[in-house]
Amino acid sequence: MTKTLKAGDGVSWSSHGGKAHGKVVRKLTSGRTIKGHKVAASKDNPEYLVETDEGKQAAHKAAALTKA
């Protein structure tokens, strides 16, 4: 089952430093670069741009995010 996430939703995910918390900024449906890393998002394979409370951004697939 696909998770339904929208901008503003609180989420958490695993990161190098442990568990990270933040919010969904928007759904990505096209490729782009974030912090020098290519994000291969598409309409058939979307990812979500998330932002921590400290303002750091990353892209994750819905399966990697836990809705708060």
PDB file of N, CA and C in Angstrom:
ATOM      1  N   MET A   1       0.843  -1.179   0.000  1.00  0.00           N
ATOM      2  CA  MET A   1       0.000   0.000   0.000  1.00  0.00           C
ATOM      3  C   MET A   1       0.889   1.244   0.000  1.00  0.00           C
ATOM      4  N   THR A   2       0.592   2.202  -0.820  1.00  0.00           N
ATOM      5  CA  THR A   2       1.343   3.438  -0.927  1.00  0.00           C
ATOM      6  C   THR A   2       0.908   4.402   0.175  1.00  0.00           C
ATOM      7  N   LYS A   3       1.886   4.986   0.829  1.00  0.00           N
ATOM      8  CA  LYS A   3       1.582   5.979   1.858  1.00  0.00           C
ATOM      9  C   LYS A   3       1.103   7.264   1.211  1.00  0.00           C
ATOM     10  N   THR A   4       0.176   7.929   1.863  1.00  0.00           N
ATOM     11  CA  THR A   4      -0.291   9.224   1.394  1.00  0.00           C
ATOM     12  C   THR A   4       0.356  10.294   2.254  1.00  0.00           C
ATOM     13  N   LEU A   5       1.271  11.040   1.649  1.00  0.00           N
ATOM     14  CA  LEU A   5       1.951  12.118   2.352  1.00  0.00           C
ATOM     15  C   LEU A   5       1.705  13.415   1.601  1.00  0.00           C
ATOM     16  N   LYS A   6       1.637  14.496   2.354  1.00  0.00           N
ATOM     17  CA  LYS A   6       1.448  15.799   1.718  1.00  0.00           C
ATOM     18  C   LYS A   6       2.326  16.832   2.417  1.00  0.00           C
ATOM     19  N   ALA A   7       2.512  17.959   1.760  1.00  0.00           N
ATOM     20  CA  ALA A   7       3.335  19.029   2.317  1.00  0.00           C
ATOM     21  C   ALA A   7       2.848  19.398   3.712  1.00  0.00           C
ATOM     22  N   GLY A   8       3.799  19.529   4.626  1.00  0.00           N
ATOM     23  CA  GLY A   8       3.474  19.892   6.001  1.00  0.00           C
ATOM     24  C   GLY A   8       3.363  18.717   6.952  1.00  0.00           C
ATOM     25  N   ASP A   9       3.218  17.491   6.417  1.00  0.00           N
ATOM     26  CA  ASP A   9       3.122  16.316   7.282  1.00  0.00           C
ATOM     27  C   ASP A   9       4.423  16.120   8.053  1.00  0.00           C
ATOM     28  N   GLY A  10       4.320  15.856   9.332  1.00  0.00           N
ATOM     29  CA  GLY A  10       5.480  15.525  10.149  1.00  0.00           C
ATOM     30  C   GLY A  10       5.891  14.085   9.863  1.00  0.00           C
ATOM     31  N   VAL A  11       7.199  13.857   9.692  1.00  0.00           N
ATOM     32  CA  VAL A  11       7.710  12.524   9.386  1.00  0.00           C
ATOM     33  C   VAL A  11       9.021  12.288  10.116  1.00  0.00           C
ATOM     34  N   SER A  12       9.415  11.026  10.190  1.00  0.00           N
ATOM     35  CA  SER A  12      10.732  10.660  10.707  1.00  0.00           C
ATOM     36  C   SER A  12      11.331   9.637   9.752  1.00  0.00           C
ATOM     37  N   TRP A  13      12.667   9.507   9.791  1.00  0.00           N
ATOM     38  CA  TRP A  13      13.367   8.576   8.920  1.00  0.00           C
ATOM     39  C   TRP A  13      14.716   8.250   9.536  1.00  0.00           C
ATOM     40  N   SER A  14      15.314   7.160   9.093  1.00  0.00           N
ATOM     41  CA  SER A  14      16.643   6.768   9.562  1.00  0.00           C
ATOM     42  C   SER A  14      17.687   7.573   8.807  1.00  0.00           C
ATOM     43  N   SER A  15      18.677   8.061   9.541  1.00  0.00           N
ATOM     44  CA  SER A  15      19.771   8.801   8.916  1.00  0.00           C
ATOM     45  C   SER A  15      21.084   8.280   9.483  1.00  0.00           C
ATOM     46  N   HIS A  16      22.188   8.818   8.999  1.00  0.00           N
ATOM     47  CA  HIS A  16      23.503   8.379   9.465  1.00  0.00           C
ATOM     48  C   HIS A  16      23.679   8.597  10.961  1.00  0.00           C
ATOM     49  N   GLY A  17      23.064   9.627  11.490  1.00  0.00           N
ATOM     50  CA  GLY A  17      23.208   9.956  12.901  1.00  0.00           C
ATOM     51  C   GLY A  17      22.122   9.367  13.787  1.00  0.00           C
ATOM     52  N   GLY A  18      21.275   8.498  13.240  1.00  0.00           N
ATOM     53  CA  GLY A  18      20.183   7.908  14.012  1.00  0.00           C
ATOM     54  C   GLY A  18      18.851   8.236  13.392  1.00  0.00           C
ATOM     55  N   LYS A  19      17.886   8.594  14.199  1.00  0.00           N
ATOM     56  CA  LYS A  19      16.550   8.916  13.720  1.00  0.00           C
ATOM     57  C   LYS A  19      16.443  10.418  13.494  1.00  0.00           C
ATOM     58  N   ALA A  20      15.961  10.817  12.311  1.00  0.00           N
ATOM     59  CA  ALA A  20      15.773  12.229  11.995  1.00  0.00           C
ATOM     60  C   ALA A  20      14.281  12.537  11.965  1.00  0.00           C
ATOM     61  N   HIS A  21      13.944  13.770  12.281  1.00  0.00           N
ATOM     62  CA  HIS A  21      12.557  14.215  12.305  1.00  0.00           C
ATOM     63  C   HIS A  21      12.447  15.506  11.500  1.00  0.00           C
ATOM     64  N   GLY A  22      11.306  15.682  10.872  1.00  0.00           N
ATOM     65  CA  GLY A  22      11.090  16.905  10.109  1.00  0.00           C
ATOM     66  C   GLY A  22       9.712  16.904   9.480  1.00  0.00           C
ATOM     67  N   LYS A  23       9.620  17.577   8.325  1.00  0.00           N
ATOM     68  CA  LYS A  23       8.325  17.657   7.659  1.00  0.00           C
ATOM     69  C   LYS A  23       8.509  17.495   6.155  1.00  0.00           C
ATOM     70  N   VAL A  24       7.432  17.099   5.502  1.00  0.00           N
ATOM     71  CA  VAL A  24       7.429  16.985   4.054  1.00  0.00           C
ATOM     72  C   VAL A  24       7.318  18.390   3.464  1.00  0.00           C
ATOM     73  N   VAL A  25       8.201  18.709   2.519  1.00  0.00           N
ATOM     74  CA  VAL A  25       8.148  19.993   1.834  1.00  0.00           C
ATOM     75  C   VAL A  25       7.279  19.856   0.593  1.00  0.00           C
ATOM     76  N   ARG A  26       7.572  18.812  -0.215  1.00  0.00           N
ATOM     77  CA  ARG A  26       6.749  18.555  -1.397  1.00  0.00           C
ATOM     78  C   ARG A  26       7.086  17.188  -1.990  1.00  0.00           C
ATOM     79  N   LYS A  27       6.189  16.714  -2.830  1.00  0.00           N
ATOM     80  CA  LYS A  27       6.371  15.464  -3.566  1.00  0.00           C
ATOM     81  C   LYS A  27       7.176  15.771  -4.821  1.00  0.00           C
ATOM     82  N   LEU A  28       8.221  14.980  -5.078  1.00  0.00           N
ATOM     83  CA  LEU A  28       9.058  15.166  -6.254  1.00  0.00           C
ATOM     84  C   LEU A  28       8.672  14.144  -7.319  1.00  0.00           C
ATOM     85  N   THR A  29       8.376  14.617  -8.513  1.00  0.00           N
ATOM     86  CA  THR A  29       7.999  13.721  -9.607  1.00  0.00           C
ATOM     87  C   THR A  29       8.895  13.898 -10.828  1.00  0.00           C
ATOM     88  N   SER A  30      10.029  14.573 -10.642  1.00  0.00           N
ATOM     89  CA  SER A  30      11.009  14.708 -11.719  1.00  0.00           C
ATOM     90  C   SER A  30      12.397  14.745 -11.090  1.00  0.00           C
ATOM     91  N   GLY A  31      13.402  14.390 -11.882  1.00  0.00           N
ATOM     92  CA  GLY A  31      14.766  14.354 -11.382  1.00  0.00           C
ATOM     93  C   GLY A  31      15.290  15.737 -11.025  1.00  0.00           C
ATOM     94  N   ARG A  32      16.183  15.790 -10.063  1.00  0.00           N
ATOM     95  CA  ARG A  32      16.837  17.030  -9.648  1.00  0.00           C
ATOM     96  C   ARG A  32      18.042  16.675  -8.808  1.00  0.00           C
ATOM     97  N   THR A  33      18.801  17.667  -8.413  1.00  0.00           N
ATOM     98  CA  THR A  33      19.983  17.457  -7.585  1.00  0.00           C
ATOM     99  C   THR A  33      19.771  18.162  -6.252  1.00  0.00           C
ATOM    100  N   ILE A  34      20.047  17.446  -5.169  1.00  0.00           N
ATOM    101  CA  ILE A  34      19.945  18.002  -3.817  1.00  0.00           C
ATOM    102  C   ILE A  34      21.265  17.726  -3.112  1.00  0.00           C
ATOM    103  N   LYS A  35      21.915  18.764  -2.638  1.00  0.00           N
ATOM    104  CA  LYS A  35      23.208  18.655  -1.953  1.00  0.00           C
ATOM    105  C   LYS A  35      24.215  17.838  -2.767  1.00  0.00           C
ATOM    106  N   GLY A  36      24.216  18.013  -4.077  1.00  0.00           N
ATOM    107  CA  GLY A  36      25.167  17.318  -4.932  1.00  0.00           C
ATOM    108  C   GLY A  36      24.807  15.885  -5.279  1.00  0.00           C
ATOM    109  N   HIS A  37      23.657  15.406  -4.810  1.00  0.00           N
ATOM    110  CA  HIS A  37      23.213  14.040  -5.090  1.00  0.00           C
ATOM    111  C   HIS A  37      22.042  14.080  -6.069  1.00  0.00           C
ATOM    112  N   LYS A  38      22.122  13.225  -7.092  1.00  0.00           N
ATOM    113  CA  LYS A  38      21.039  13.170  -8.071  1.00  0.00           C
ATOM    114  C   LYS A  38      19.860  12.395  -7.499  1.00  0.00           C
ATOM    115  N   VAL A  39      18.674  12.974  -7.596  1.00  0.00           N
ATOM    116  CA  VAL A  39      17.436  12.330  -7.162  1.00  0.00           C
ATOM    117  C   VAL A  39      16.708  11.900  -8.430  1.00  0.00           C
ATOM    118  N   ALA A  40      16.509  10.600  -8.590  1.00  0.00           N
ATOM    119  CA  ALA A  40      15.898  10.052  -9.808  1.00  0.00           C
ATOM    120  C   ALA A  40      14.399   9.859  -9.626  1.00  0.00           C
ATOM    121  N   ALA A  41      13.724  10.883  -9.172  1.00  0.00           N
ATOM    122  CA  ALA A  41      12.275  10.800  -8.971  1.00  0.00           C
ATOM    123  C   ALA A  41      11.549  10.913 -10.313  1.00  0.00           C
ATOM    124  N   SER A  42      10.384  10.269 -10.398  1.00  0.00           N
ATOM    125  CA  SER A  42       9.542  10.363 -11.597  1.00  0.00           C
ATOM    126  C   SER A  42       8.088  10.233 -11.162  1.00  0.00           C
ATOM    127  N   LYS A  43       7.164  10.417 -12.096  1.00  0.00           N
ATOM    128  CA  LYS A  43       5.745  10.257 -11.754  1.00  0.00           C
ATOM    129  C   LYS A  43       5.449   8.838 -11.304  1.00  0.00           C
ATOM    130  N   ASP A  44       6.122   7.857 -11.910  1.00  0.00           N
ATOM    131  CA  ASP A  44       5.915   6.452 -11.546  1.00  0.00           C
ATOM    132  C   ASP A  44       6.717   6.044 -10.313  1.00  0.00           C
ATOM    133  N   ASN A  45       7.725   6.821  -9.961  1.00  0.00           N
ATOM    134  CA  ASN A  45       8.601   6.497  -8.837  1.00  0.00           C
ATOM    135  C   ASN A  45       8.921   7.783  -8.060  1.00  0.00           C
ATOM    136  N   PRO A  46       7.899   8.375  -7.412  1.00  0.00           N
ATOM    137  CA  PRO A  46       8.104   9.669  -6.738  1.00  0.00           C
ATOM    138  C   PRO A  46       8.940   9.544  -5.460  1.00  0.00           C
ATOM    139  N   GLU A  47       9.522  10.638  -5.065  1.00  0.00           N
ATOM    140  CA  GLU A  47      10.201  10.750  -3.783  1.00  0.00           C
ATOM    141  C   GLU A  47       9.655  11.997  -3.096  1.00  0.00           C
ATOM    142  N   TYR A  48       9.986  12.159  -1.830  1.00  0.00           N
ATOM    143  CA  TYR A  48       9.497  13.305  -1.069  1.00  0.00           C
ATOM    144  C   TYR A  48      10.668  14.126  -0.568  1.00  0.00           C
ATOM    145  N   LEU A  49      10.604  15.436  -0.796  1.00  0.00           N
ATOM    146  CA  LEU A  49      11.587  16.359  -0.265  1.00  0.00           C
ATOM    147  C   LEU A  49      11.187  16.624   1.180  1.00  0.00           C
ATOM    148  N   VAL A  50      12.107  16.330   2.098  1.00  0.00           N
ATOM    149  CA  VAL A  50      11.835  16.524   3.522  1.00  0.00           C
ATOM    150  C   VAL A  50      12.857  17.504   4.083  1.00  0.00           C
ATOM    151  N   GLU A  51      12.466  18.175   5.161  1.00  0.00           N
ATOM    152  CA  GLU A  51      13.341  19.163   5.783  1.00  0.00           C
ATOM    153  C   GLU A  51      13.332  18.964   7.288  1.00  0.00           C
ATOM    154  N   THR A  52      14.521  18.949   7.889  1.00  0.00           N
ATOM    155  CA  THR A  52      14.613  18.819   9.339  1.00  0.00           C
ATOM    156  C   THR A  52      14.303  20.152   9.992  1.00  0.00           C
ATOM    157  N   ASP A  53      14.152  20.135  11.300  1.00  0.00           N
ATOM    158  CA  ASP A  53      13.909  21.364  12.052  1.00  0.00           C
ATOM    159  C   ASP A  53      15.084  22.341  11.911  1.00  0.00           C
ATOM    160  N   GLU A  54      16.272  21.807  11.608  1.00  0.00           N
ATOM    161  CA  GLU A  54      17.468  22.636  11.430  1.00  0.00           C
ATOM    162  C   GLU A  54      17.580  23.188  10.007  1.00  0.00           C
ATOM    163  N   GLY A  55      16.656  22.816   9.123  1.00  0.00           N
ATOM    164  CA  GLY A  55      16.652  23.335   7.765  1.00  0.00           C
ATOM    165  C   GLY A  55      17.393  22.496   6.740  1.00  0.00           C
ATOM    166  N   LYS A  56      17.896  21.328   7.135  1.00  0.00           N
ATOM    167  CA  LYS A  56      18.595  20.451   6.191  1.00  0.00           C
ATOM    168  C   LYS A  56      17.568  19.699   5.364  1.00  0.00           C
ATOM    169  N   GLN A  57      17.857  19.547   4.063  1.00  0.00           N
ATOM    170  CA  GLN A  57      16.909  18.889   3.163  1.00  0.00           C
ATOM    171  C   GLN A  57      17.476  17.595   2.605  1.00  0.00           C
ATOM    172  N   ALA A  58      16.570  16.664   2.305  1.00  0.00           N
ATOM    173  CA  ALA A  58      16.926  15.387   1.692  1.00  0.00           C
ATOM    174  C   ALA A  58      15.697  14.863   0.958  1.00  0.00           C
ATOM    175  N   ALA A  59      15.902  13.887   0.093  1.00  0.00           N
ATOM    176  CA  ALA A  59      14.790  13.257  -0.620  1.00  0.00           C
ATOM    177  C   ALA A  59      14.727  11.793  -0.221  1.00  0.00           C
ATOM    178  N   HIS A  60      13.520  11.298   0.022  1.00  0.00           N
ATOM    179  CA  HIS A  60      13.321   9.905   0.420  1.00  0.00           C
ATOM    180  C   HIS A  60      12.083   9.339  -0.256  1.00  0.00           C
ATOM    181  N   LYS A  61      12.096   8.048  -0.476  1.00  0.00           N
ATOM    182  CA  LYS A  61      10.912   7.352  -0.968  1.00  0.00           C
ATOM    183  C   LYS A  61       9.914   7.237   0.196  1.00  0.00           C
ATOM    184  N   ALA A  62       8.659   7.106  -0.115  1.00  0.00           N
ATOM    185  CA  ALA A  62       7.615   7.040   0.911  1.00  0.00           C
ATOM    186  C   ALA A  62       7.866   5.893   1.893  1.00  0.00           C
ATOM    187  N   ALA A  63       8.384   4.767   1.396  1.00  0.00           N
ATOM    188  CA  ALA A  63       8.618   3.603   2.250  1.00  0.00           C
ATOM    189  C   ALA A  63       9.638   3.878   3.350  1.00  0.00           C
ATOM    190  N   ALA A  64      10.519   4.864   3.146  1.00  0.00           N
ATOM    191  CA  ALA A  64      11.549   5.187   4.139  1.00  0.00           C
ATOM    192  C   ALA A  64      11.060   6.174   5.200  1.00  0.00           C
ATOM    193  N   LEU A  65       9.868   6.721   5.013  1.00  0.00           N
ATOM    194  CA  LEU A  65       9.335   7.735   5.924  1.00  0.00           C
ATOM    195  C   LEU A  65       8.245   7.167   6.819  1.00  0.00           C
ATOM    196  N   THR A  66       8.242   7.577   8.057  1.00  0.00           N
ATOM    197  CA  THR A  66       7.198   7.216   9.014  1.00  0.00           C
ATOM    198  C   THR A  66       6.441   8.492   9.355  1.00  0.00           C
ATOM    199  N   LYS A  67       5.133   8.479   9.123  1.00  0.00           N
ATOM    200  CA  LYS A  67       4.316   9.657   9.414  1.00  0.00           C
ATOM    201  C   LYS A  67       4.194   9.835  10.915  1.00  0.00           C
ATOM    202  N   ALA A  68       4.410  11.064  11.379  1.00  0.00           N
ATOM    203  CA  ALA A  68       4.356  11.343  12.823  1.00  0.00           C
ATOM    204  C   ALA A  68       2.932  11.570  13.276  1.00  0.00           C
TER     205      ALA A  68
END
